[in-house]
């Protein structure tokens, strides 16, 4: 468990945007994690409407490239209740920011290779929360994140999804994943 006191956390500027799908304080922690690795290149697997991308680009000045990956409305998530979380215009809240690059793929991250992403400083995994996709996303993230970079998972404590199941398996395989105190976030710094 990582205590919030171990992170350089300060309140982010929300830019008047909605706070749906995040527990209080999680955006502050996300920004602190990205600042902590001096993130210049970031990918978010499951960017939804682009709110997180926009807020993080505003609050983490080092970000030079932010890749938002999402799916078209024809996509069928592994957990049917996630269908209601999908949006018709992925990334719309960040599309006007030059550093933002949207990748919409028919099968989400399954349609990506490491070459599509390049080397990244950080990956935020927050898309399809089924075991199969979280497992794939985790391996893809570990492949593209540079040594010293960070991988962050959302909903690590949410019993309605399968993220915890994947993280428990990866921890058993010696991935140094830690939960962040008081949040549904987990993180791993790549060694």
C-alpha atoms as a PDB file:
ATOM      1  CA  UNK A   1       0.000   0.000   0.000  1.00  0.00           C
ATOM      2  CA  UNK A   2       1.286   3.441  -0.917  1.00  0.00           C
ATOM      3  CA  UNK A   3       0.292   6.184   1.474  1.00  0.00           C
ATOM      4  CA  UNK A   4      -0.879   9.413  -0.130  1.00  0.00           C
ATOM      5  CA  UNK A   5       1.678  11.188   2.073  1.00  0.00           C
ATOM      6  CA  UNK A   6       4.420   9.528  -0.004  1.00  0.00           C
ATOM      7  CA  UNK A   7       3.190  11.342  -3.126  1.00  0.00           C
ATOM      8  CA  UNK A   8       3.524  15.030  -3.982  1.00  0.00           C
ATOM      9  CA  UNK A   9      -0.221  15.640  -4.140  1.00  0.00           C
ATOM     10  CA  UNK A  10      -1.941  18.964  -4.560  1.00  0.00           C
ATOM     11  CA  UNK A  11      -5.468  19.780  -5.746  1.00  0.00           C
ATOM     12  CA  UNK A  12      -5.865  19.797  -9.516  1.00  0.00           C
ATOM     13  CA  UNK A  13      -7.766  22.417 -11.464  1.00  0.00           C
ATOM     14  CA  UNK A  14     -10.876  20.634 -12.806  1.00  0.00           C
ATOM     15  CA  UNK A  15     -11.608  23.270 -15.484  1.00  0.00           C
ATOM     16  CA  UNK A  16     -15.307  23.071 -14.636  1.00  0.00           C
ATOM     17  CA  UNK A  17     -15.511  19.504 -15.979  1.00  0.00           C
ATOM     18  CA  UNK A  18     -17.528  16.645 -14.485  1.00  0.00           C
ATOM     19  CA  UNK A  19     -16.089  14.388 -11.806  1.00  0.00           C
ATOM     20  CA  UNK A  20     -17.916  11.188 -12.778  1.00  0.00           C
ATOM     21  CA  UNK A  21     -16.211   7.802 -12.431  1.00  0.00           C
ATOM     22  CA  UNK A  22     -13.481   8.961 -10.036  1.00  0.00           C
ATOM     23  CA  UNK A  23     -13.422   8.792  -6.247  1.00  0.00           C
ATOM     24  CA  UNK A  24     -12.651  12.127  -4.538  1.00  0.00           C
ATOM     25  CA  UNK A  25      -8.937  12.843  -4.710  1.00  0.00           C
ATOM     26  CA  UNK A  26      -8.109  10.307  -7.435  1.00  0.00           C
ATOM     27  CA  UNK A  27      -7.402  12.926 -10.105  1.00  0.00           C
ATOM     28  CA  UNK A  28      -4.993  14.624  -7.671  1.00  0.00           C
ATOM     29  CA  UNK A  29      -3.220  11.275  -7.199  1.00  0.00           C
ATOM     30  CA  UNK A  30      -3.097  10.621 -10.963  1.00  0.00           C
ATOM     31  CA  UNK A  31      -1.491  14.018 -11.537  1.00  0.00           C
ATOM     32  CA  UNK A  32       1.016  13.399  -8.725  1.00  0.00           C
ATOM     33  CA  UNK A  33       1.970  10.002 -10.177  1.00  0.00           C
ATOM     34  CA  UNK A  34       2.564  11.533 -13.623  1.00  0.00           C
ATOM     35  CA  UNK A  35       4.537  14.466 -12.196  1.00  0.00           C
ATOM     36  CA  UNK A  36       6.572  11.992 -10.142  1.00  0.00           C
ATOM     37  CA  UNK A  37       7.972  10.359 -13.282  1.00  0.00           C
ATOM     38  CA  UNK A  38       8.233  13.608 -15.252  1.00  0.00           C
ATOM     39  CA  UNK A  39       5.723  12.210 -17.743  1.00  0.00           C
ATOM     40  CA  UNK A  40       6.043  13.644 -21.225  1.00  0.00           C
ATOM     41  CA  UNK A  41       4.304  10.798 -23.068  1.00  0.00           C
ATOM     42  CA  UNK A  42       1.147   9.256 -21.620  1.00  0.00           C
ATOM     43  CA  UNK A  43      -1.473   6.811 -22.880  1.00  0.00           C
ATOM     44  CA  UNK A  44      -4.916   6.295 -21.396  1.00  0.00           C
ATOM     45  CA  UNK A  45      -6.588   3.015 -22.325  1.00  0.00           C
ATOM     46  CA  UNK A  46     -10.274   3.936 -22.212  1.00  0.00           C
ATOM     47  CA  UNK A  47     -10.328   7.734 -22.497  1.00  0.00           C
ATOM     48  CA  UNK A  48     -14.141   8.035 -22.676  1.00  0.00           C
ATOM     49  CA  UNK A  49     -15.027  11.704 -23.277  1.00  0.00           C
ATOM     50  CA  UNK A  50     -11.468  12.970 -22.774  1.00  0.00           C
ATOM     51  CA  UNK A  51     -12.125  14.619 -19.400  1.00  0.00           C
ATOM     52  CA  UNK A  52      -9.203  12.895 -17.641  1.00  0.00           C
ATOM     53  CA  UNK A  53      -6.851  13.693 -20.522  1.00  0.00           C
ATOM     54  CA  UNK A  54      -7.821  17.354 -20.524  1.00  0.00           C
ATOM     55  CA  UNK A  55      -7.507  17.775 -16.752  1.00  0.00           C
ATOM     56  CA  UNK A  56      -4.162  15.956 -16.622  1.00  0.00           C
ATOM     57  CA  UNK A  57      -2.687  17.915 -19.531  1.00  0.00           C
ATOM     58  CA  UNK A  58      -3.694  21.137 -17.737  1.00  0.00           C
ATOM     59  CA  UNK A  59      -2.212  20.029 -14.407  1.00  0.00           C
ATOM     60  CA  UNK A  60       0.935  18.168 -15.513  1.00  0.00           C
ATOM     61  CA  UNK A  61       2.911  20.681 -17.597  1.00  0.00           C
ATOM     62  CA  UNK A  62       5.539  18.129 -18.672  1.00  0.00           C
ATOM     63  CA  UNK A  63       3.029  16.222 -20.865  1.00  0.00           C
ATOM     64  CA  UNK A  64       3.944  16.697 -24.525  1.00  0.00           C
ATOM     65  CA  UNK A  65       1.905  13.807 -25.999  1.00  0.00           C
ATOM     66  CA  UNK A  66      -1.236  12.225 -24.569  1.00  0.00           C
ATOM     67  CA  UNK A  67      -2.714   9.260 -26.427  1.00  0.00           C
ATOM     68  CA  UNK A  68      -6.350   8.480 -25.675  1.00  0.00           C
ATOM     69  CA  UNK A  69      -7.421   5.018 -26.795  1.00  0.00           C
ATOM     70  CA  UNK A  70     -11.097   4.172 -27.075  1.00  0.00           C
ATOM     71  CA  UNK A  71     -13.659   2.211 -29.075  1.00  0.00           C
ATOM     72  CA  UNK A  72     -16.639   2.891 -31.365  1.00  0.00           C
ATOM     73  CA  UNK A  73     -20.181   2.368 -30.069  1.00  0.00           C
ATOM     74  CA  UNK A  74     -20.276  -0.973 -31.902  1.00  0.00           C
ATOM     75  CA  UNK A  75     -17.773  -2.408 -29.379  1.00  0.00           C
ATOM     76  CA  UNK A  76     -19.120  -4.992 -26.939  1.00  0.00           C
ATOM     77  CA  UNK A  77     -17.311  -4.716 -23.583  1.00  0.00           C
ATOM     78  CA  UNK A  78     -16.455  -7.916 -21.739  1.00  0.00           C
ATOM     79  CA  UNK A  79     -18.634  -6.768 -18.824  1.00  0.00           C
ATOM     80  CA  UNK A  80     -22.054  -5.847 -20.172  1.00  0.00           C
ATOM     81  CA  UNK A  81     -22.710  -3.190 -17.507  1.00  0.00           C
ATOM     82  CA  UNK A  82     -19.817  -1.147 -18.919  1.00  0.00           C
ATOM     83  CA  UNK A  83     -21.852  -0.557 -22.083  1.00  0.00           C
ATOM     84  CA  UNK A  84     -23.616   2.324 -20.310  1.00  0.00           C
ATOM     85  CA  UNK A  85     -20.238   4.041 -19.746  1.00  0.00           C
ATOM     86  CA  UNK A  86     -19.428   4.282 -23.461  1.00  0.00           C
ATOM     87  CA  UNK A  87     -19.696   7.588 -25.323  1.00  0.00           C
ATOM     88  CA  UNK A  88     -20.552   8.399 -28.935  1.00  0.00           C
ATOM     89  CA  UNK A  89     -17.688  10.907 -29.257  1.00  0.00           C
ATOM     90  CA  UNK A  90     -14.595   9.580 -27.471  1.00  0.00           C
ATOM     91  CA  UNK A  91     -12.049  12.222 -26.547  1.00  0.00           C
ATOM     92  CA  UNK A  92     -14.317  15.153 -27.407  1.00  0.00           C
ATOM     93  CA  UNK A  93     -13.346  17.222 -24.338  1.00  0.00           C
ATOM     94  CA  UNK A  94      -9.637  17.076 -25.255  1.00  0.00           C
ATOM     95  CA  UNK A  95      -9.774  17.035 -29.053  1.00  0.00           C
ATOM     96  CA  UNK A  96      -8.820  20.722 -29.367  1.00  0.00           C
ATOM     97  CA  UNK A  97      -5.548  20.297 -27.427  1.00  0.00           C
ATOM     98  CA  UNK A  98      -2.558  19.843 -29.766  1.00  0.00           C
ATOM     99  CA  UNK A  99      -0.832  17.300 -27.462  1.00  0.00           C
ATOM    100  CA  UNK A 100      -3.877  14.994 -27.547  1.00  0.00           C
ATOM    101  CA  UNK A 101      -3.993  12.133 -30.025  1.00  0.00           C
ATOM    102  CA  UNK A 102      -7.113   9.966 -30.230  1.00  0.00           C
ATOM    103  CA  UNK A 103      -6.893   6.342 -31.349  1.00  0.00           C
ATOM    104  CA  UNK A 104     -10.297   4.754 -31.895  1.00  0.00           C
ATOM    105  CA  UNK A 105      -9.957   1.049 -32.608  1.00  0.00           C
ATOM    106  CA  UNK A 106     -12.681  -1.473 -33.431  1.00  0.00           C
ATOM    107  CA  UNK A 107     -11.419  -3.892 -30.762  1.00  0.00           C
ATOM    108  CA  UNK A 108      -9.830  -1.311 -28.489  1.00  0.00           C
ATOM    109  CA  UNK A 109      -6.308  -2.042 -27.317  1.00  0.00           C
ATOM    110  CA  UNK A 110      -6.461  -5.516 -28.901  1.00  0.00           C
ATOM    111  CA  UNK A 111      -5.911  -3.680 -32.202  1.00  0.00           C
ATOM    112  CA  UNK A 112      -2.721  -1.988 -30.966  1.00  0.00           C
ATOM    113  CA  UNK A 113       0.884  -3.090 -31.054  1.00  0.00           C
ATOM    114  CA  UNK A 114       3.777  -1.537 -29.136  1.00  0.00           C
ATOM    115  CA  UNK A 115       4.853   0.153 -32.395  1.00  0.00           C
ATOM    116  CA  UNK A 116       1.540   2.061 -32.460  1.00  0.00           C
ATOM    117  CA  UNK A 117       2.314   3.650 -29.095  1.00  0.00           C
ATOM    118  CA  UNK A 118       6.097   3.954 -28.986  1.00  0.00           C
ATOM    119  CA  UNK A 119       7.914   4.327 -25.689  1.00  0.00           C
ATOM    120  CA  UNK A 120       5.809   5.959 -22.979  1.00  0.00           C
ATOM    121  CA  UNK A 121       6.434   7.431 -19.552  1.00  0.00           C
ATOM    122  CA  UNK A 122       3.040   6.361 -18.191  1.00  0.00           C
ATOM    123  CA  UNK A 123      -0.066   4.338 -19.030  1.00  0.00           C
ATOM    124  CA  UNK A 124      -3.412   4.724 -17.272  1.00  0.00           C
ATOM    125  CA  UNK A 125      -5.530   1.573 -17.688  1.00  0.00           C
ATOM    126  CA  UNK A 126      -9.216   2.476 -17.377  1.00  0.00           C
ATOM    127  CA  UNK A 127     -11.061   0.904 -20.319  1.00  0.00           C
ATOM    128  CA  UNK A 128     -12.781  -2.462 -20.589  1.00  0.00           C
ATOM    129  CA  UNK A 129     -12.475  -3.893 -17.063  1.00  0.00           C
ATOM    130  CA  UNK A 130     -12.951  -7.555 -17.993  1.00  0.00           C
ATOM    131  CA  UNK A 131     -10.191  -9.964 -16.993  1.00  0.00           C
ATOM    132  CA  UNK A 132      -9.150 -10.661 -20.579  1.00  0.00           C
ATOM    133  CA  UNK A 133      -8.763  -7.013 -21.546  1.00  0.00           C
ATOM    134  CA  UNK A 134      -7.126  -5.862 -18.294  1.00  0.00           C
ATOM    135  CA  UNK A 135      -4.603  -8.698 -18.674  1.00  0.00           C
ATOM    136  CA  UNK A 136      -3.844  -7.674 -22.257  1.00  0.00           C
ATOM    137  CA  UNK A 137      -3.652  -3.974 -21.348  1.00  0.00           C
ATOM    138  CA  UNK A 138      -1.277  -4.707 -18.468  1.00  0.00           C
ATOM    139  CA  UNK A 139       1.172  -6.634 -20.654  1.00  0.00           C
ATOM    140  CA  UNK A 140       0.958  -4.009 -23.414  1.00  0.00           C
ATOM    141  CA  UNK A 141       1.599  -1.251 -20.873  1.00  0.00           C
ATOM    142  CA  UNK A 142       4.576  -3.069 -19.375  1.00  0.00           C
ATOM    143  CA  UNK A 143       6.008  -3.465 -22.871  1.00  0.00           C
ATOM    144  CA  UNK A 144       5.758   0.217 -23.826  1.00  0.00           C
ATOM    145  CA  UNK A 145       6.464   1.997 -20.532  1.00  0.00           C
ATOM    146  CA  UNK A 146      10.105   2.978 -20.103  1.00  0.00           C
ATOM    147  CA  UNK A 147      12.194   1.918 -17.128  1.00  0.00           C
ATOM    148  CA  UNK A 148      11.277   4.250 -14.276  1.00  0.00           C
ATOM    149  CA  UNK A 149       7.870   4.993 -15.813  1.00  0.00           C
ATOM    150  CA  UNK A 150       4.545   4.151 -14.184  1.00  0.00           C
ATOM    151  CA  UNK A 151       1.528   1.984 -14.992  1.00  0.00           C
ATOM    152  CA  UNK A 152      -1.691   2.964 -13.220  1.00  0.00           C
ATOM    153  CA  UNK A 153      -4.863   0.884 -12.978  1.00  0.00           C
ATOM    154  CA  UNK A 154      -8.277   2.278 -12.054  1.00  0.00           C
ATOM    155  CA  UNK A 155     -11.000   0.338 -10.214  1.00  0.00           C
ATOM    156  CA  UNK A 156      -8.488  -1.903  -8.452  1.00  0.00           C
ATOM    157  CA  UNK A 157     -10.841  -2.047  -5.449  1.00  0.00           C
ATOM    158  CA  UNK A 158     -14.129  -2.196  -7.368  1.00  0.00           C
ATOM    159  CA  UNK A 159     -15.781  -5.583  -6.818  1.00  0.00           C
ATOM    160  CA  UNK A 160     -18.140  -5.073  -9.786  1.00  0.00           C
ATOM    161  CA  UNK A 161     -15.262  -5.455 -12.267  1.00  0.00           C
ATOM    162  CA  UNK A 162     -12.372  -7.891 -12.802  1.00  0.00           C
ATOM    163  CA  UNK A 163      -9.363  -5.602 -12.324  1.00  0.00           C
ATOM    164  CA  UNK A 164      -8.508  -6.934  -8.849  1.00  0.00           C
ATOM    165  CA  UNK A 165      -8.480 -10.511 -10.137  1.00  0.00           C
ATOM    166  CA  UNK A 166      -5.863  -9.563 -12.735  1.00  0.00           C
ATOM    167  CA  UNK A 167      -3.771  -7.533 -10.303  1.00  0.00           C
ATOM    168  CA  UNK A 168      -3.724 -10.359  -7.755  1.00  0.00           C
ATOM    169  CA  UNK A 169      -2.449 -12.734 -10.451  1.00  0.00           C
ATOM    170  CA  UNK A 170       0.206 -10.262 -11.615  1.00  0.00           C
ATOM    171  CA  UNK A 171       1.351  -9.660  -8.027  1.00  0.00           C
ATOM    172  CA  UNK A 172       1.698 -13.447  -7.630  1.00  0.00           C
ATOM    173  CA  UNK A 173       3.898 -13.293 -10.763  1.00  0.00           C
ATOM    174  CA  UNK A 174       6.100 -10.710  -8.978  1.00  0.00           C
ATOM    175  CA  UNK A 175       4.846  -7.526 -10.608  1.00  0.00           C
ATOM    176  CA  UNK A 176       5.500  -4.861  -7.920  1.00  0.00           C
ATOM    177  CA  UNK A 177       1.961  -3.440  -7.982  1.00  0.00           C
ATOM    178  CA  UNK A 178       0.789  -1.373  -5.023  1.00  0.00           C
ATOM    179  CA  UNK A 179      -2.604   0.022  -4.102  1.00  0.00           C
ATOM    180  CA  UNK A 180      -2.848   3.752  -3.405  1.00  0.00           C
ATOM    181  CA  UNK A 181      -4.340   4.471   0.015  1.00  0.00           C
ATOM    182  CA  UNK A 182      -7.907   5.798   0.005  1.00  0.00           C
ATOM    183  CA  UNK A 183      -8.413   5.294  -3.741  1.00  0.00           C
ATOM    184  CA  UNK A 184      -9.384   2.659  -6.279  1.00  0.00           C
ATOM    185  CA  UNK A 185      -6.007   3.177  -7.961  1.00  0.00           C
ATOM    186  CA  UNK A 186      -3.041   0.816  -8.107  1.00  0.00           C
ATOM    187  CA  UNK A 187       0.353   1.616  -9.552  1.00  0.00           C
ATOM    188  CA  UNK A 188       3.610  -0.012 -10.572  1.00  0.00           C
ATOM    189  CA  UNK A 189       6.867   1.691 -11.401  1.00  0.00           C
ATOM    190  CA  UNK A 190       8.673  -0.254 -14.115  1.00  0.00           C
ATOM    191  CA  UNK A 191      12.042  -1.530 -12.950  1.00  0.00           C
END
